[in-house]
Amino acid sequence: MSIIGWIILGLLAGAIAKILLPGRDPGGLIGTTLIGVAGAFIGGWISARFLDRSISNEFYDGPTWAAAIGGSLVLLIAYRLLFGHSRLR
C-alpha cells in the first residue's frame, strides 16, 4: 500500500475512532482526522515492530485496519488527556 493509501486509511480510521469515542475534541474535525492519519502510521508501526504482524499491501486487510483504528484511538485519548481541559468554557 502506498503512502496515499495509508493517508486515506488514516482519515477513515480517525473517523471511526471519533465514532467509537464521541465527545468534543479540542482540535475539531481537522485535528481528529490528522490524529487518525498519525494513528494509522503509529498503529501499523507498532503492529509490525512489536507484534510481529507484517503490514499487508492490501487496503482491505482486517488486521491492518484494526492497527490503524487502535493507533487512532490511543492518540485521540492521549490528545484529549493532554489538551482537553485547556479551553475556557
PDB file of N, CA and C in Angstrom:
ATOM      1  N   MET A   1       0.856  -1.167   0.000  1.00  0.00           N
ATOM      2  CA  MET A   1       0.000   0.000   0.000  1.00  0.00           C
ATOM      3  C   MET A   1       0.904   1.233   0.000  1.00  0.00           C
ATOM      4  N   SER A   2       0.561   2.207  -0.793  1.00  0.00           N
ATOM      5  CA  SER A   2       1.375   3.411  -0.915  1.00  0.00           C
ATOM      6  C   SER A   2       1.081   4.384   0.234  1.00  0.00           C
ATOM      7  N   ILE A   3       1.823   5.458   0.255  1.00  0.00           N
ATOM      8  CA  ILE A   3       1.633   6.469   1.288  1.00  0.00           C
ATOM      9  C   ILE A   3       0.242   7.096   1.168  1.00  0.00           C
ATOM     10  N   ILE A   4      -0.265   7.233  -0.051  1.00  0.00           N
ATOM     11  CA  ILE A   4      -1.613   7.774  -0.251  1.00  0.00           C
ATOM     12  C   ILE A   4      -2.646   6.822   0.353  1.00  0.00           C
ATOM     13  N   GLY A   5      -2.435   5.527   0.183  1.00  0.00           N
ATOM     14  CA  GLY A   5      -3.335   4.540   0.782  1.00  0.00           C
ATOM     15  C   GLY A   5      -3.346   4.630   2.294  1.00  0.00           C
ATOM     16  N   TRP A   6      -2.160   4.843   2.896  1.00  0.00           N
ATOM     17  CA  TRP A   6      -2.094   4.977   4.353  1.00  0.00           C
ATOM     18  C   TRP A   6      -2.771   6.254   4.826  1.00  0.00           C
ATOM     19  N   ILE A   7      -2.670   7.319   4.041  1.00  0.00           N
ATOM     20  CA  ILE A   7      -3.341   8.560   4.422  1.00  0.00           C
ATOM     21  C   ILE A   7      -4.853   8.389   4.362  1.00  0.00           C
ATOM     22  N   ILE A   8      -5.343   7.757   3.308  1.00  0.00           N
ATOM     23  CA  ILE A   8      -6.788   7.506   3.203  1.00  0.00           C
ATOM     24  C   ILE A   8      -7.243   6.586   4.331  1.00  0.00           C
ATOM     25  N   LEU A   9      -6.469   5.539   4.592  1.00  0.00           N
ATOM     26  CA  LEU A   9      -6.782   4.634   5.702  1.00  0.00           C
ATOM     27  C   LEU A   9      -6.796   5.396   7.018  1.00  0.00           C
ATOM     28  N   GLY A  10      -5.839   6.308   7.213  1.00  0.00           N
ATOM     29  CA  GLY A  10      -5.785   7.100   8.437  1.00  0.00           C
ATOM     30  C   GLY A  10      -6.965   8.030   8.589  1.00  0.00           C
ATOM     31  N   LEU A  11      -7.396   8.635   7.487  1.00  0.00           N
ATOM     32  CA  LEU A  11      -8.577   9.508   7.554  1.00  0.00           C
ATOM     33  C   LEU A  11      -9.814   8.713   7.955  1.00  0.00           C
ATOM     34  N   LEU A  12      -9.972   7.549   7.365  1.00  0.00           N
ATOM     35  CA  LEU A  12     -11.114   6.698   7.715  1.00  0.00           C
ATOM     36  C   LEU A  12     -10.992   6.155   9.132  1.00  0.00           C
ATOM     37  N   ALA A  13      -9.772   5.785   9.537  1.00  0.00           N
ATOM     38  CA  ALA A  13      -9.559   5.275  10.897  1.00  0.00           C
ATOM     39  C   ALA A  13      -9.834   6.365  11.921  1.00  0.00           C
ATOM     40  N   GLY A  14      -9.462   7.608  11.620  1.00  0.00           N
ATOM     41  CA  GLY A  14      -9.753   8.722  12.517  1.00  0.00           C
ATOM     42  C   GLY A  14     -11.248   8.956  12.657  1.00  0.00           C
ATOM     43  N   ALA A  15     -11.975   8.824  11.556  1.00  0.00           N
ATOM     44  CA  ALA A  15     -13.430   8.977  11.615  1.00  0.00           C
ATOM     45  C   ALA A  15     -14.066   7.861  12.430  1.00  0.00           C
ATOM     46  N   ILE A  16     -13.586   6.645  12.247  1.00  0.00           N
ATOM     47  CA  ILE A  16     -14.112   5.512  13.018  1.00  0.00           C
ATOM     48  C   ILE A  16     -13.776   5.670  14.494  1.00  0.00           C
ATOM     49  N   ALA A  17     -12.554   6.116  14.801  1.00  0.00           N
ATOM     50  CA  ALA A  17     -12.168   6.345  16.200  1.00  0.00           C
ATOM     51  C   ALA A  17     -13.038   7.425  16.828  1.00  0.00           C
ATOM     52  N   LYS A  18     -13.381   8.444  16.064  1.00  0.00           N
ATOM     53  CA  LYS A  18     -14.250   9.511  16.569  1.00  0.00           C
ATOM     54  C   LYS A  18     -15.659   8.985  16.843  1.00  0.00           C
ATOM     55  N   ILE A  19     -16.138   8.074  15.995  1.00  0.00           N
ATOM     56  CA  ILE A  19     -17.449   7.466  16.218  1.00  0.00           C
ATOM     57  C   ILE A  19     -17.416   6.587  17.469  1.00  0.00           C
ATOM     58  N   LEU A  20     -16.328   5.843  17.662  1.00  0.00           N
ATOM     59  CA  LEU A  20     -16.205   4.961  18.815  1.00  0.00           C
ATOM     60  C   LEU A  20     -15.978   5.728  20.110  1.00  0.00           C
ATOM     61  N   LEU A  21     -15.430   6.927  20.014  1.00  0.00           N
ATOM     62  CA  LEU A  21     -15.107   7.734  21.188  1.00  0.00           C
ATOM     63  C   LEU A  21     -15.719   9.129  21.004  1.00  0.00           C
ATOM     64  N   PRO A  22     -17.046   9.236  21.139  1.00  0.00           N
ATOM     65  CA  PRO A  22     -17.695  10.525  20.864  1.00  0.00           C
ATOM     66  C   PRO A  22     -17.368  11.558  21.926  1.00  0.00           C
ATOM     67  N   GLY A  23     -17.623  12.786  21.593  1.00  0.00           N
ATOM     68  CA  GLY A  23     -17.382  13.887  22.513  1.00  0.00           C
ATOM     69  C   GLY A  23     -16.683  15.021  21.799  1.00  0.00           C
ATOM     70  N   ARG A  24     -16.506  16.118  22.534  1.00  0.00           N
ATOM     71  CA  ARG A  24     -15.839  17.275  21.947  1.00  0.00           C
ATOM     72  C   ARG A  24     -14.343  17.089  21.989  1.00  0.00           C
ATOM     73  N   ASP A  25     -13.710  17.373  20.871  1.00  0.00           N
ATOM     74  CA  ASP A  25     -12.259  17.318  20.794  1.00  0.00           C
ATOM     75  C   ASP A  25     -11.710  18.734  20.711  1.00  0.00           C
ATOM     76  N   PRO A  26     -10.580  18.981  21.334  1.00  0.00           N
ATOM     77  CA  PRO A  26     -10.013  20.319  21.280  1.00  0.00           C
ATOM     78  C   PRO A  26      -9.643  20.762  19.866  1.00  0.00           C
ATOM     79  N   GLY A  27      -9.315  19.826  18.980  1.00  0.00           N
ATOM     80  CA  GLY A  27      -8.876  20.188  17.635  1.00  0.00           C
ATOM     81  C   GLY A  27      -9.966  20.196  16.591  1.00  0.00           C
ATOM     82  N   GLY A  28     -11.154  19.737  16.929  1.00  0.00           N
ATOM     83  CA  GLY A  28     -12.240  19.701  15.969  1.00  0.00           C
ATOM     84  C   GLY A  28     -12.053  18.600  14.930  1.00  0.00           C
ATOM     85  N   LEU A  29     -12.730  18.744  13.815  1.00  0.00           N
ATOM     86  CA  LEU A  29     -12.714  17.724  12.763  1.00  0.00           C
ATOM     87  C   LEU A  29     -11.338  17.585  12.123  1.00  0.00           C
ATOM     88  N   ILE A  30     -10.676  18.681  11.842  1.00  0.00           N
ATOM     89  CA  ILE A  30      -9.363  18.619  11.200  1.00  0.00           C
ATOM     90  C   ILE A  30      -8.338  17.982  12.128  1.00  0.00           C
ATOM     91  N   GLY A  31      -8.349  18.373  13.377  1.00  0.00           N
ATOM     92  CA  GLY A  31      -7.425  17.775  14.337  1.00  0.00           C
ATOM     93  C   GLY A  31      -7.658  16.288  14.515  1.00  0.00           C
ATOM     94  N   THR A  32      -8.912  15.879  14.539  1.00  0.00           N
ATOM     95  CA  THR A  32      -9.242  14.469  14.691  1.00  0.00           C
ATOM     96  C   THR A  32      -8.783  13.656  13.486  1.00  0.00           C
ATOM     97  N   THR A  33      -8.950  14.199  12.285  1.00  0.00           N
ATOM     98  CA  THR A  33      -8.515  13.452  11.109  1.00  0.00           C
ATOM     99  C   THR A  33      -6.992  13.377  11.028  1.00  0.00           C
ATOM    100  N   LEU A  34      -6.310  14.435  11.442  1.00  0.00           N
ATOM    101  CA  LEU A  34      -4.845  14.371  11.471  1.00  0.00           C
ATOM    102  C   LEU A  34      -4.353  13.362  12.506  1.00  0.00           C
ATOM    103  N   ILE A  35      -5.052  13.288  13.624  1.00  0.00           N
ATOM    104  CA  ILE A  35      -4.732  12.276  14.627  1.00  0.00           C
ATOM    105  C   ILE A  35      -4.977  10.889  14.045  1.00  0.00           C
ATOM    106  N   GLY A  36      -6.004  10.742  13.238  1.00  0.00           N
ATOM    107  CA  GLY A  36      -6.278   9.466  12.578  1.00  0.00           C
ATOM    108  C   GLY A  36      -5.164   9.046  11.649  1.00  0.00           C
ATOM    109  N   VAL A  37      -4.642   9.985  10.875  1.00  0.00           N
ATOM    110  CA  VAL A  37      -3.536   9.670   9.964  1.00  0.00           C
ATOM    111  C   VAL A  37      -2.298   9.264  10.758  1.00  0.00           C
ATOM    112  N   ALA A  38      -1.968  10.041  11.788  1.00  0.00           N
ATOM    113  CA  ALA A  38      -0.813   9.707  12.626  1.00  0.00           C
ATOM    114  C   ALA A  38      -1.033   8.380  13.343  1.00  0.00           C
ATOM    115  N   GLY A  39      -2.256   8.134  13.804  1.00  0.00           N
ATOM    116  CA  GLY A  39      -2.567   6.875  14.481  1.00  0.00           C
ATOM    117  C   GLY A  39      -2.443   5.681  13.563  1.00  0.00           C
ATOM    118  N   ALA A  40      -2.801   5.843  12.299  1.00  0.00           N
ATOM    119  CA  ALA A  40      -2.647   4.751  11.333  1.00  0.00           C
ATOM    120  C   ALA A  40      -1.178   4.401  11.152  1.00  0.00           C
ATOM    121  N   PHE A  41      -0.338   5.409  11.029  1.00  0.00           N
ATOM    122  CA  PHE A  41       1.088   5.143  10.885  1.00  0.00           C
ATOM    123  C   PHE A  41       1.669   4.503  12.146  1.00  0.00           C
ATOM    124  N   ILE A  42       1.324   5.041  13.305  1.00  0.00           N
ATOM    125  CA  ILE A  42       1.854   4.511  14.561  1.00  0.00           C
ATOM    126  C   ILE A  42       1.317   3.111  14.837  1.00  0.00           C
ATOM    127  N   GLY A  43       0.015   2.902  14.606  1.00  0.00           N
ATOM    128  CA  GLY A  43      -0.558   1.569  14.799  1.00  0.00           C
ATOM    129  C   GLY A  43       0.061   0.538  13.884  1.00  0.00           C
ATOM    130  N   GLY A  44       0.300   0.902  12.634  1.00  0.00           N
ATOM    131  CA  GLY A  44       0.962  -0.008  11.702  1.00  0.00           C
ATOM    132  C   GLY A  44       2.392  -0.298  12.103  1.00  0.00           C
ATOM    133  N   TRP A  45       3.101   0.727  12.586  1.00  0.00           N
ATOM    134  CA  TRP A  45       4.485   0.526  13.008  1.00  0.00           C
ATOM    135  C   TRP A  45       4.557  -0.368  14.243  1.00  0.00           C
ATOM    136  N   ILE A  46       3.680  -0.129  15.220  1.00  0.00           N
ATOM    137  CA  ILE A  46       3.653  -0.958  16.431  1.00  0.00           C
ATOM    138  C   ILE A  46       3.309  -2.392  16.086  1.00  0.00           C
ATOM    139  N   SER A  47       2.355  -2.570  15.196  1.00  0.00           N
ATOM    140  CA  SER A  47       1.941  -3.905  14.784  1.00  0.00           C
ATOM    141  C   SER A  47       3.091  -4.653  14.114  1.00  0.00           C
ATOM    142  N   ALA A  48       3.811  -3.979  13.256  1.00  0.00           N
ATOM    143  CA  ALA A  48       4.917  -4.630  12.552  1.00  0.00           C
ATOM    144  C   ALA A  48       6.127  -4.823  13.461  1.00  0.00           C
ATOM    145  N   ARG A  49       6.399  -3.871  14.307  1.00  0.00           N
ATOM    146  CA  ARG A  49       7.618  -3.898  15.115  1.00  0.00           C
ATOM    147  C   ARG A  49       7.507  -4.812  16.344  1.00  0.00           C
ATOM    148  N   PHE A  50       6.427  -4.686  17.090  1.00  0.00           N
ATOM    149  CA  PHE A  50       6.337  -5.364  18.373  1.00  0.00           C
ATOM    150  C   PHE A  50       5.429  -6.589  18.376  1.00  0.00           C
ATOM    151  N   LEU A  51       4.473  -6.648  17.480  1.00  0.00           N
ATOM    152  CA  LEU A  51       3.540  -7.774  17.464  1.00  0.00           C
ATOM    153  C   LEU A  51       3.867  -8.796  16.385  1.00  0.00           C
ATOM    154  N   ASP A  52       4.960  -8.593  15.677  1.00  0.00           N
ATOM    155  CA  ASP A  52       5.394  -9.490  14.596  1.00  0.00           C
ATOM    156  C   ASP A  52       4.291  -9.723  13.583  1.00  0.00           C
ATOM    157  N   ARG A  53       3.510  -8.724  13.308  1.00  0.00           N
ATOM    158  CA  ARG A  53       2.441  -8.801  12.300  1.00  0.00           C
ATOM    159  C   ARG A  53       2.854  -7.921  11.137  1.00  0.00           C
ATOM    160  N   SER A  54       3.231  -8.551  10.046  1.00  0.00           N
ATOM    161  CA  SER A  54       3.656  -7.756   8.908  1.00  0.00           C
ATOM    162  C   SER A  54       2.478  -6.979   8.343  1.00  0.00           C
ATOM    163  N   ILE A  55       2.773  -5.823   7.826  1.00  0.00           N
ATOM    164  CA  ILE A  55       1.750  -4.960   7.250  1.00  0.00           C
ATOM    165  C   ILE A  55       1.430  -5.468   5.853  1.00  0.00           C
ATOM    166  N   SER A  56       0.163  -5.647   5.602  1.00  0.00           N
ATOM    167  CA  SER A  56      -0.288  -6.150   4.315  1.00  0.00           C
ATOM    168  C   SER A  56      -0.260  -5.038   3.275  1.00  0.00           C
ATOM    169  N   ASN A  57      -0.060  -5.422   2.046  1.00  0.00           N
ATOM    170  CA  ASN A  57      -0.104  -4.459   0.953  1.00  0.00           C
ATOM    171  C   ASN A  57      -1.513  -4.259   0.428  1.00  0.00           C
ATOM    172  N   GLU A  58      -2.478  -4.927   1.017  1.00  0.00           N
ATOM    173  CA  GLU A  58      -3.861  -4.803   0.590  1.00  0.00           C
ATOM    174  C   GLU A  58      -4.583  -3.792   1.472  1.00  0.00           C
ATOM    175  N   PHE A  59      -5.428  -2.998   0.844  1.00  0.00           N
ATOM    176  CA  PHE A  59      -6.168  -1.965   1.565  1.00  0.00           C
ATOM    177  C   PHE A  59      -7.230  -2.565   2.472  1.00  0.00           C
ATOM    178  N   TYR A  60      -7.793  -3.693   2.101  1.00  0.00           N
ATOM    179  CA  TYR A  60      -8.913  -4.295   2.839  1.00  0.00           C
ATOM    180  C   TYR A  60      -8.473  -5.397   3.793  1.00  0.00           C
ATOM    181  N   ASP A  61      -7.313  -5.283   4.378  1.00  0.00           N
ATOM    182  CA  ASP A  61      -6.809  -6.269   5.329  1.00  0.00           C
ATOM    183  C   ASP A  61      -7.304  -5.902   6.731  1.00  0.00           C
ATOM    184  N   GLY A  62      -8.022  -6.820   7.365  1.00  0.00           N
ATOM    185  CA  GLY A  62      -8.623  -6.571   8.679  1.00  0.00           C
ATOM    186  C   GLY A  62      -7.638  -6.183   9.764  1.00  0.00           C
ATOM    187  N   PRO A  63      -6.552  -6.949   9.951  1.00  0.00           N
ATOM    188  CA  PRO A  63      -5.590  -6.564  10.997  1.00  0.00           C
ATOM    189  C   PRO A  63      -4.926  -5.206  10.758  1.00  0.00           C
ATOM    190  N   THR A  64      -4.740  -4.825   9.513  1.00  0.00           N
ATOM    191  CA  THR A  64      -4.183  -3.506   9.225  1.00  0.00           C
ATOM    192  C   THR A  64      -5.157  -2.417   9.646  1.00  0.00           C
ATOM    193  N   TRP A  65      -6.441  -2.619   9.374  1.00  0.00           N
ATOM    194  CA  TRP A  65      -7.460  -1.672   9.800  1.00  0.00           C
ATOM    195  C   TRP A  65      -7.540  -1.615  11.319  1.00  0.00           C
ATOM    196  N   ALA A  66      -7.472  -2.768  11.983  1.00  0.00           N
ATOM    197  CA  ALA A  66      -7.530  -2.805  13.445  1.00  0.00           C
ATOM    198  C   ALA A  66      -6.350  -2.045  14.052  1.00  0.00           C
ATOM    199  N   ALA A  67      -5.162  -2.213  13.476  1.00  0.00           N
ATOM    200  CA  ALA A  67      -3.989  -1.499  13.974  1.00  0.00           C
ATOM    201  C   ALA A  67      -4.141   0.005  13.763  1.00  0.00           C
ATOM    202  N   ALA A  68      -4.664   0.411  12.622  1.00  0.00           N
ATOM    203  CA  ALA A  68      -4.843   1.833  12.338  1.00  0.00           C
ATOM    204  C   ALA A  68      -5.887   2.449  13.260  1.00  0.00           C
ATOM    205  N   ILE A  69      -6.992   1.771  13.461  1.00  0.00           N
ATOM    206  CA  ILE A  69      -8.043   2.292  14.350  1.00  0.00           C
ATOM    207  C   ILE A  69      -7.559   2.299  15.791  1.00  0.00           C
ATOM    208  N   GLY A  70      -6.857   1.249  16.200  1.00  0.00           N
ATOM    209  CA  GLY A  70      -6.312   1.199  17.561  1.00  0.00           C
ATOM    210  C   GLY A  70      -5.318   2.323  17.812  1.00  0.00           C
ATOM    211  N   GLY A  71      -4.429   2.568  16.846  1.00  0.00           N
ATOM    212  CA  GLY A  71      -3.483   3.678  16.980  1.00  0.00           C
ATOM    213  C   GLY A  71      -4.190   5.016  17.043  1.00  0.00           C
ATOM    214  N   SER A  72      -5.249   5.167  16.259  1.00  0.00           N
ATOM    215  CA  SER A  72      -6.028   6.414  16.275  1.00  0.00           C
ATOM    216  C   SER A  72      -6.729   6.611  17.613  1.00  0.00           C
ATOM    217  N   LEU A  73      -7.274   5.537  18.159  1.00  0.00           N
ATOM    218  CA  LEU A  73      -7.930   5.632  19.467  1.00  0.00           C
ATOM    219  C   LEU A  73      -6.940   6.028  20.556  1.00  0.00           C
ATOM    220  N   VAL A  74      -5.772   5.414  20.540  1.00  0.00           N
ATOM    221  CA  VAL A  74      -4.757   5.726  21.552  1.00  0.00           C
ATOM    222  C   VAL A  74      -4.333   7.194  21.450  1.00  0.00           C
ATOM    223  N   LEU A  75      -4.076   7.663  20.228  1.00  0.00           N
ATOM    224  CA  LEU A  75      -3.671   9.054  20.070  1.00  0.00           C
ATOM    225  C   LEU A  75      -4.805  10.025  20.415  1.00  0.00           C
ATOM    226  N   LEU A  76      -6.033   9.669  20.079  1.00  0.00           N
ATOM    227  CA  LEU A  76      -7.165  10.532  20.410  1.00  0.00           C
ATOM    228  C   LEU A  76      -7.358  10.636  21.916  1.00  0.00           C
ATOM    229  N   ILE A  77      -7.217   9.537  22.625  1.00  0.00           N
ATOM    230  CA  ILE A  77      -7.327   9.560  24.089  1.00  0.00           C
ATOM    231  C   ILE A  77      -6.192  10.387  24.691  1.00  0.00           C
ATOM    232  N   ALA A  78      -4.976  10.186  24.205  1.00  0.00           N
ATOM    233  CA  ALA A  78      -3.838  10.951  24.719  1.00  0.00           C
ATOM    234  C   ALA A  78      -4.011  12.442  24.431  1.00  0.00           C
ATOM    235  N   TYR A  79      -4.508  12.762  23.253  1.00  0.00           N
ATOM    236  CA  TYR A  79      -4.742  14.162  22.890  1.00  0.00           C
ATOM    237  C   TYR A  79      -5.780  14.803  23.795  1.00  0.00           C
ATOM    238  N   ARG A  80      -6.840  14.075  24.072  1.00  0.00           N
ATOM    239  CA  ARG A  80      -7.870  14.596  24.976  1.00  0.00           C
ATOM    240  C   ARG A  80      -7.333  14.779  26.390  1.00  0.00           C
ATOM    241  N   LEU A  81      -6.509  13.856  26.850  1.00  0.00           N
ATOM    242  CA  LEU A  81      -5.945  13.984  28.191  1.00  0.00           C
ATOM    243  C   LEU A  81      -4.991  15.171  28.293  1.00  0.00           C
ATOM    244  N   LEU A  82      -4.212  15.404  27.245  1.00  0.00           N
ATOM    245  CA  LEU A  82      -3.238  16.485  27.287  1.00  0.00           C
ATOM    246  C   LEU A  82      -3.858  17.857  27.035  1.00  0.00           C
ATOM    247  N   PHE A  83      -4.797  17.930  26.092  1.00  0.00           N
ATOM    248  CA  PHE A  83      -5.294  19.236  25.674  1.00  0.00           C
ATOM    249  C   PHE A  83      -6.789  19.428  25.862  1.00  0.00           C
ATOM    250  N   GLY A  84      -7.479  18.474  26.434  1.00  0.00           N
ATOM    251  CA  GLY A  84      -8.922  18.543  26.532  1.00  0.00           C
ATOM    252  C   GLY A  84      -9.453  19.587  27.485  1.00  0.00           C
ATOM    253  N   HIS A  85      -8.708  19.928  28.516  1.00  0.00           N
ATOM    254  CA  HIS A  85      -9.203  20.859  29.525  1.00  0.00           C
ATOM    255  C   HIS A  85      -8.510  22.214  29.439  1.00  0.00           C
ATOM    256  N   SER A  86      -7.838  22.476  28.334  1.00  0.00           N
ATOM    257  CA  SER A  86      -7.095  23.722  28.231  1.00  0.00           C
ATOM    258  C   SER A  86      -7.969  24.902  27.796  1.00  0.00           C
ATOM    259  N   ARG A  87      -9.170  24.643  27.296  1.00  0.00           N
ATOM    260  CA  ARG A  87     -10.064  25.709  26.854  1.00  0.00           C
ATOM    261  C   ARG A  87     -10.903  26.239  28.003  1.00  0.00           C
ATOM    262  N   LEU A  88     -11.211  27.506  27.915  1.00  0.00           N
ATOM    263  CA  LEU A  88     -12.156  28.071  28.868  1.00  0.00           C
ATOM    264  C   LEU A  88     -13.556  27.799  28.371  1.00  0.00           C
ATOM    265  N   ARG A  89     -14.454  27.493  29.267  1.00  0.00           N
ATOM    266  CA  ARG A  89     -15.816  27.167  28.849  1.00  0.00           C
ATOM    267  C   ARG A  89     -16.775  28.181  29.331  1.00  0.00           C
TER     268      ARG A  89
END
